[in-house]
Amino acid sequence: MDTKVLVAYATKYGATAEMAWKIGQVLREAGVQAEVLPVDRVGDLGAYRAVVLGSAVYAGQWRKEAAAFLEANEQALAQRPVWLFSSGPTGEGDPAQLMRGWRFPEALQPIADRIQPRDVAFFHGVLDMKKLNLAEKLIVKAIKAPAGDFRDWEAITSWAAGIAKALKEESW
């Protein structure tokens, strides 16, 4: 096993990818070797000492490719430090409150429980009306979701710095 950390993500329109790249940047600036990849480009996890895995959230669900990655790699993930993050709601305030207490996809919770991630974070996302198809625009209008970029870069940076600190405190 190498000393690299994998930051893997699933995104639809790119906002979660940008968050993953920021997490990777913070890890590298703290002296942690990090590789940032979309989940569908990740090979063998044996090359990684730890994994940060994130997905965009739509209707309370992770992207299919992120869920499939989590399921397919459960055993490997359970053998190393793992951090999970979701990006989704738009608007002001606590993301979990905006999602009425939702913090992680219910269908994936048993896998997360077995993996025992160090932390599960939930961050605000982006809603760019210009990128949505007609069906998505109708749903957004029906649920009155606020459009815009609501990502809290300070919270994302702080969370990533905490990961770097935890990794550096452990013996590699």
Foldseek 3Di string as FASTA:
>chain_A
DAQEEEEEEEEDPCFVLVLSVLLCVLLVVLVGHYDYYYLVPDDDCPNYQEYEYEAEDDPLAGPPSSLVSLVVCLVVLLVHAYEYEYEYADDDDDPCVVVVNRQHRPVCVVSCVSSVHPYYYYWYAAADPVPDDPVVVVVCVVVVGDHGGRGDSVVSSVVSNVVSVVSVVDDD
